[in-house]
Amino acid sequence: MFQLSTPQTWTNHFQVILESLYTYALQNPVSVAGFYDIQKVEKEETAHQANSP
């Protein structure tokens, strides 16, 4: 059984998630870079829309 009330358990879960994300990024650098590019483009578009009257 999991006891989610303990901070130690949450730290362990967080570490596992970070490690799996890091491993995924190492194995799939192209898709990770594409994801960041998409986010950057979306941010620039929303900024452009906010500036236009």
PDB file of N, CA and C in Angstrom:
ATOM      1  N   MET A   1       0.841  -1.212   0.000  1.00  0.00           N
ATOM      2  CA  MET A   1       0.000   0.000   0.000  1.00  0.00           C
ATOM      3  C   MET A   1       0.876   1.262   0.000  1.00  0.00           C
ATOM      4  N   PHE A   2       0.385   2.248  -0.747  1.00  0.00           N
ATOM      5  CA  PHE A   2       1.072   3.542  -0.761  1.00  0.00           C
ATOM      6  C   PHE A   2       0.553   4.412   0.369  1.00  0.00           C
ATOM      7  N   GLN A   3       1.452   5.128   0.995  1.00  0.00           N
ATOM      8  CA  GLN A   3       1.045   6.132   1.973  1.00  0.00           C
ATOM      9  C   GLN A   3       1.472   7.479   1.411  1.00  0.00           C
ATOM     10  N   LEU A   4       0.522   8.141   0.733  1.00  0.00           N
ATOM     11  CA  LEU A   4       0.866   9.353  -0.002  1.00  0.00           C
ATOM     12  C   LEU A   4       1.008  10.550   0.923  1.00  0.00           C
ATOM     13  N   SER A   5       0.738  10.350   2.208  1.00  0.00           N
ATOM     14  CA  SER A   5       0.796  11.483   3.129  1.00  0.00           C
ATOM     15  C   SER A   5       2.235  11.822   3.500  1.00  0.00           C
ATOM     16  N   THR A   6       3.152  10.873   3.313  1.00  0.00           N
ATOM     17  CA  THR A   6       4.533  11.122   3.729  1.00  0.00           C
ATOM     18  C   THR A   6       5.277  11.882   2.641  1.00  0.00           C
ATOM     19  N   PRO A   7       5.991  12.932   2.997  1.00  0.00           N
ATOM     20  CA  PRO A   7       6.754  13.705   2.015  1.00  0.00           C
ATOM     21  C   PRO A   7       7.812  12.861   1.314  1.00  0.00           C
ATOM     22  N   GLN A   8       8.377  11.893   2.025  1.00  0.00           N
ATOM     23  CA  GLN A   8       9.422  11.047   1.439  1.00  0.00           C
ATOM     24  C   GLN A   8       8.879  10.312   0.213  1.00  0.00           C
ATOM     25  N   THR A   9       7.646   9.827   0.307  1.00  0.00           N
ATOM     26  CA  THR A   9       7.055   9.098  -0.813  1.00  0.00           C
ATOM     27  C   THR A   9       6.896  10.011  -2.015  1.00  0.00           C
ATOM     28  N   TRP A  10       6.434  11.228  -1.769  1.00  0.00           N
ATOM     29  CA  TRP A  10       6.267  12.186  -2.863  1.00  0.00           C
ATOM     30  C   TRP A  10       7.616  12.509  -3.495  1.00  0.00           C
ATOM     31  N   THR A  11       8.656  12.639  -2.674  1.00  0.00           N
ATOM     32  CA  THR A  11       9.990  12.916  -3.205  1.00  0.00           C
ATOM     33  C   THR A  11      10.436  11.772  -4.093  1.00  0.00           C
ATOM     34  N   ASN A  12      10.177  10.538  -3.664  1.00  0.00           N
ATOM     35  CA  ASN A  12      10.571   9.371  -4.466  1.00  0.00           C
ATOM     36  C   ASN A  12       9.823   9.358  -5.789  1.00  0.00           C
ATOM     37  N   HIS A  13       8.510   9.626  -5.748  1.00  0.00           N
ATOM     38  CA  HIS A  13       7.717   9.666  -6.979  1.00  0.00           C
ATOM     39  C   HIS A  13       8.254  10.738  -7.920  1.00  0.00           C
ATOM     40  N   PHE A  14       8.551  11.901  -7.369  1.00  0.00           N
ATOM     41  CA  PHE A  14       9.039  13.018  -8.170  1.00  0.00           C
ATOM     42  C   PHE A  14      10.371  12.665  -8.823  1.00  0.00           C
ATOM     43  N   GLN A  15      11.225  12.004  -8.059  1.00  0.00           N
ATOM     44  CA  GLN A  15      12.528  11.598  -8.589  1.00  0.00           C
ATOM     45  C   GLN A  15      12.352  10.614  -9.732  1.00  0.00           C
ATOM     46  N   VAL A  16      11.453   9.658  -9.557  1.00  0.00           N
ATOM     47  CA  VAL A  16      11.222   8.657 -10.599  1.00  0.00           C
ATOM     48  C   VAL A  16      10.704   9.330 -11.868  1.00  0.00           C
ATOM     49  N   ILE A  17       9.777  10.276 -11.692  1.00  0.00           N
ATOM     50  CA  ILE A  17       9.214  10.977 -12.844  1.00  0.00           C
ATOM     51  C   ILE A  17      10.306  11.770 -13.564  1.00  0.00           C
ATOM     52  N   LEU A  18      11.129  12.481 -12.782  1.00  0.00           N
ATOM     53  CA  LEU A  18      12.212  13.263 -13.385  1.00  0.00           C
ATOM     54  C   LEU A  18      13.184  12.358 -14.134  1.00  0.00           C
ATOM     55  N   GLU A  19      13.515  11.221 -13.543  1.00  0.00           N
ATOM     56  CA  GLU A  19      14.461  10.319 -14.183  1.00  0.00           C
ATOM     57  C   GLU A  19      13.895   9.759 -15.478  1.00  0.00           C
ATOM     58  N   SER A  20      12.598   9.426 -15.477  1.00  0.00           N
ATOM     59  CA  SER A  20      12.004   8.878 -16.686  1.00  0.00           C
ATOM     60  C   SER A  20      11.914   9.947 -17.775  1.00  0.00           C
ATOM     61  N   LEU A  21      11.623  11.195 -17.371  1.00  0.00           N
ATOM     62  CA  LEU A  21      11.604  12.290 -18.342  1.00  0.00           C
ATOM     63  C   LEU A  21      12.996  12.508 -18.931  1.00  0.00           C
ATOM     64  N   TYR A  22      14.004  12.455 -18.073  1.00  0.00           N
ATOM     65  CA  TYR A  22      15.380  12.652 -18.520  1.00  0.00           C
ATOM     66  C   TYR A  22      15.782  11.543 -19.485  1.00  0.00           C
ATOM     67  N   THR A  23      15.409  10.308 -19.140  1.00  0.00           N
ATOM     68  CA  THR A  23      15.725   9.179 -20.014  1.00  0.00           C
ATOM     69  C   THR A  23      15.021   9.341 -21.354  1.00  0.00           C
ATOM     70  N   TYR A  24      13.754   9.768 -21.313  1.00  0.00           N
ATOM     71  CA  TYR A  24      12.995   9.970 -22.549  1.00  0.00           C
ATOM     72  C   TYR A  24      13.649  11.048 -23.409  1.00  0.00           C
ATOM     73  N   ALA A  25      14.093  12.120 -22.765  1.00  0.00           N
ATOM     74  CA  ALA A  25      14.728  13.210 -23.499  1.00  0.00           C
ATOM     75  C   ALA A  25      16.028  12.733 -24.155  1.00  0.00           C
ATOM     76  N   LEU A  26      16.762  11.861 -23.453  1.00  0.00           N
ATOM     77  CA  LEU A  26      18.008  11.347 -24.018  1.00  0.00           C
ATOM     78  C   LEU A  26      17.730  10.442 -25.210  1.00  0.00           C
ATOM     79  N   GLN A  27      16.634   9.671 -25.131  1.00  0.00           N
ATOM     80  CA  GLN A  27      16.327   8.716 -26.199  1.00  0.00           C
ATOM     81  C   GLN A  27      15.626   9.395 -27.370  1.00  0.00           C
ATOM     82  N   ASN A  28      14.909  10.496 -27.111  1.00  0.00           N
ATOM     83  CA  ASN A  28      14.145  11.159 -28.159  1.00  0.00           C
ATOM     84  C   ASN A  28      14.426  12.655 -28.177  1.00  0.00           C
ATOM     85  N   PRO A  29      15.662  13.036 -28.502  1.00  0.00           N
ATOM     86  CA  PRO A  29      16.007  14.464 -28.441  1.00  0.00           C
ATOM     87  C   PRO A  29      15.222  15.289 -29.461  1.00  0.00           C
ATOM     88  N   VAL A  30      14.878  14.682 -30.596  1.00  0.00           N
ATOM     89  CA  VAL A  30      14.199  15.435 -31.661  1.00  0.00           C
ATOM     90  C   VAL A  30      12.801  15.833 -31.216  1.00  0.00           C
ATOM     91  N   SER A  31      12.054  14.893 -30.652  1.00  0.00           N
ATOM     92  CA  SER A  31      10.685  15.195 -30.256  1.00  0.00           C
ATOM     93  C   SER A  31      10.664  16.185 -29.102  1.00  0.00           C
ATOM     94  N   VAL A  32      11.644  16.090 -28.201  1.00  0.00           N
ATOM     95  CA  VAL A  32      11.711  17.033 -27.079  1.00  0.00           C
ATOM     96  C   VAL A  32      12.002  18.438 -27.598  1.00  0.00           C
ATOM     97  N   ALA A  33      12.951  18.537 -28.536  1.00  0.00           N
ATOM     98  CA  ALA A  33      13.282  19.841 -29.116  1.00  0.00           C
ATOM     99  C   ALA A  33      12.068  20.390 -29.864  1.00  0.00           C
ATOM    100  N   GLY A  34      11.358  19.527 -30.577  1.00  0.00           N
ATOM    101  CA  GLY A  34      10.164  19.974 -31.292  1.00  0.00           C
ATOM    102  C   GLY A  34       9.106  20.468 -30.332  1.00  0.00           C
ATOM    103  N   PHE A  35       8.969  19.817 -29.196  1.00  0.00           N
ATOM    104  CA  PHE A  35       7.983  20.241 -28.197  1.00  0.00           C
ATOM    105  C   PHE A  35       8.304  21.644 -27.702  1.00  0.00           C
ATOM    106  N   TYR A  36       9.576  21.890 -27.435  1.00  0.00           N
ATOM    107  CA  TYR A  36       9.969  23.225 -26.966  1.00  0.00           C
ATOM    108  C   TYR A  36       9.773  24.266 -28.065  1.00  0.00           C
ATOM    109  N   ASP A  37      10.050  23.888 -29.309  1.00  0.00           N
ATOM    110  CA  ASP A  37       9.849  24.825 -30.419  1.00  0.00           C
ATOM    111  C   ASP A  37       8.377  25.192 -30.535  1.00  0.00           C
ATOM    112  N   ILE A  38       7.498  24.203 -30.402  1.00  0.00           N
ATOM    113  CA  ILE A  38       6.056  24.462 -30.487  1.00  0.00           C
ATOM    114  C   ILE A  38       5.641  25.433 -29.386  1.00  0.00           C
ATOM    115  N   GLN A  39       6.127  25.199 -28.167  1.00  0.00           N
ATOM    116  CA  GLN A  39       5.771  26.086 -27.054  1.00  0.00           C
ATOM    117  C   GLN A  39       6.271  27.505 -27.319  1.00  0.00           C
ATOM    118  N   LYS A  40       7.488  27.625 -27.869  1.00  0.00           N
ATOM    119  CA  LYS A  40       8.053  28.941 -28.118  1.00  0.00           C
ATOM    120  C   LYS A  40       7.223  29.669 -29.175  1.00  0.00           C
ATOM    121  N   VAL A  41       6.833  28.949 -30.222  1.00  0.00           N
ATOM    122  CA  VAL A  41       6.036  29.556 -31.291  1.00  0.00           C
ATOM    123  C   VAL A  41       4.691  30.015 -30.735  1.00  0.00           C
ATOM    124  N   GLU A  42       4.067  29.179 -29.906  1.00  0.00           N
ATOM    125  CA  GLU A  42       2.767  29.541 -29.335  1.00  0.00           C
ATOM    126  C   GLU A  42       2.897  30.789 -28.478  1.00  0.00           C
ATOM    127  N   LYS A  43       3.959  30.872 -27.692  1.00  0.00           N
ATOM    128  CA  LYS A  43       4.162  32.050 -26.842  1.00  0.00           C
ATOM    129  C   LYS A  43       4.340  33.302 -27.703  1.00  0.00           C
ATOM    130  N   GLU A  44       5.128  33.177 -28.782  1.00  0.00           N
ATOM    131  CA  GLU A  44       5.360  34.334 -29.649  1.00  0.00           C
ATOM    132  C   GLU A  44       4.061  34.758 -30.332  1.00  0.00           C
ATOM    133  N   GLU A  45       3.234  33.786 -30.720  1.00  0.00           N
ATOM    134  CA  GLU A  45       1.977  34.115 -31.387  1.00  0.00           C
ATOM    135  C   GLU A  45       1.045  34.855 -30.434  1.00  0.00           C
ATOM    136  N   THR A  46       0.933  34.366 -29.201  1.00  0.00           N
ATOM    137  CA  THR A  46       0.041  35.018 -28.243  1.00  0.00           C
ATOM    138  C   THR A  46       0.562  36.411 -27.919  1.00  0.00           C
ATOM    139  N   ALA A  47       1.876  36.574 -27.839  1.00  0.00           N
ATOM    140  CA  ALA A  47       2.446  37.895 -27.581  1.00  0.00           C
ATOM    141  C   ALA A  47       2.147  38.826 -28.753  1.00  0.00           C
ATOM    142  N   HIS A  48       2.219  38.284 -29.966  1.00  0.00           N
ATOM    143  CA  HIS A  48       1.948  39.097 -31.148  1.00  0.00           C
ATOM    144  C   HIS A  48       0.486  39.537 -31.155  1.00  0.00           C
ATOM    145  N   GLN A  49      -0.416  38.610 -30.811  1.00  0.00           N
ATOM    146  CA  GLN A  49      -1.848  38.937 -30.777  1.00  0.00           C
ATOM    147  C   GLN A  49      -2.134  39.990 -29.714  1.00  0.00           C
ATOM    148  N   ALA A  50      -1.430  39.905 -28.600  1.00  0.00           N
ATOM    149  CA  ALA A  50      -1.659  40.857 -27.511  1.00  0.00           C
ATOM    150  C   ALA A  50      -1.192  42.254 -27.922  1.00  0.00           C
ATOM    151  N   ASN A  51      -0.140  42.322 -28.739  1.00  0.00           N
ATOM    152  CA  ASN A  51       0.382  43.622 -29.156  1.00  0.00           C
ATOM    153  C   ASN A  51      -0.470  44.256 -30.243  1.00  0.00           C
ATOM    154  N   SER A  52      -1.098  43.439 -31.093  1.00  0.00           N
ATOM    155  CA  SER A  52      -1.885  43.999 -32.194  1.00  0.00           C
ATOM    156  C   SER A  52      -3.167  44.610 -31.643  1.00  0.00           C
ATOM    157  N   PRO A  53      -3.608  45.711 -32.218  1.00  0.00           N
ATOM    158  CA  PRO A  53      -4.796  46.416 -31.703  1.00  0.00           C
ATOM    159  C   PRO A  53      -6.086  45.642 -31.967  1.00  0.00           C
TER     160      PRO A  53
END
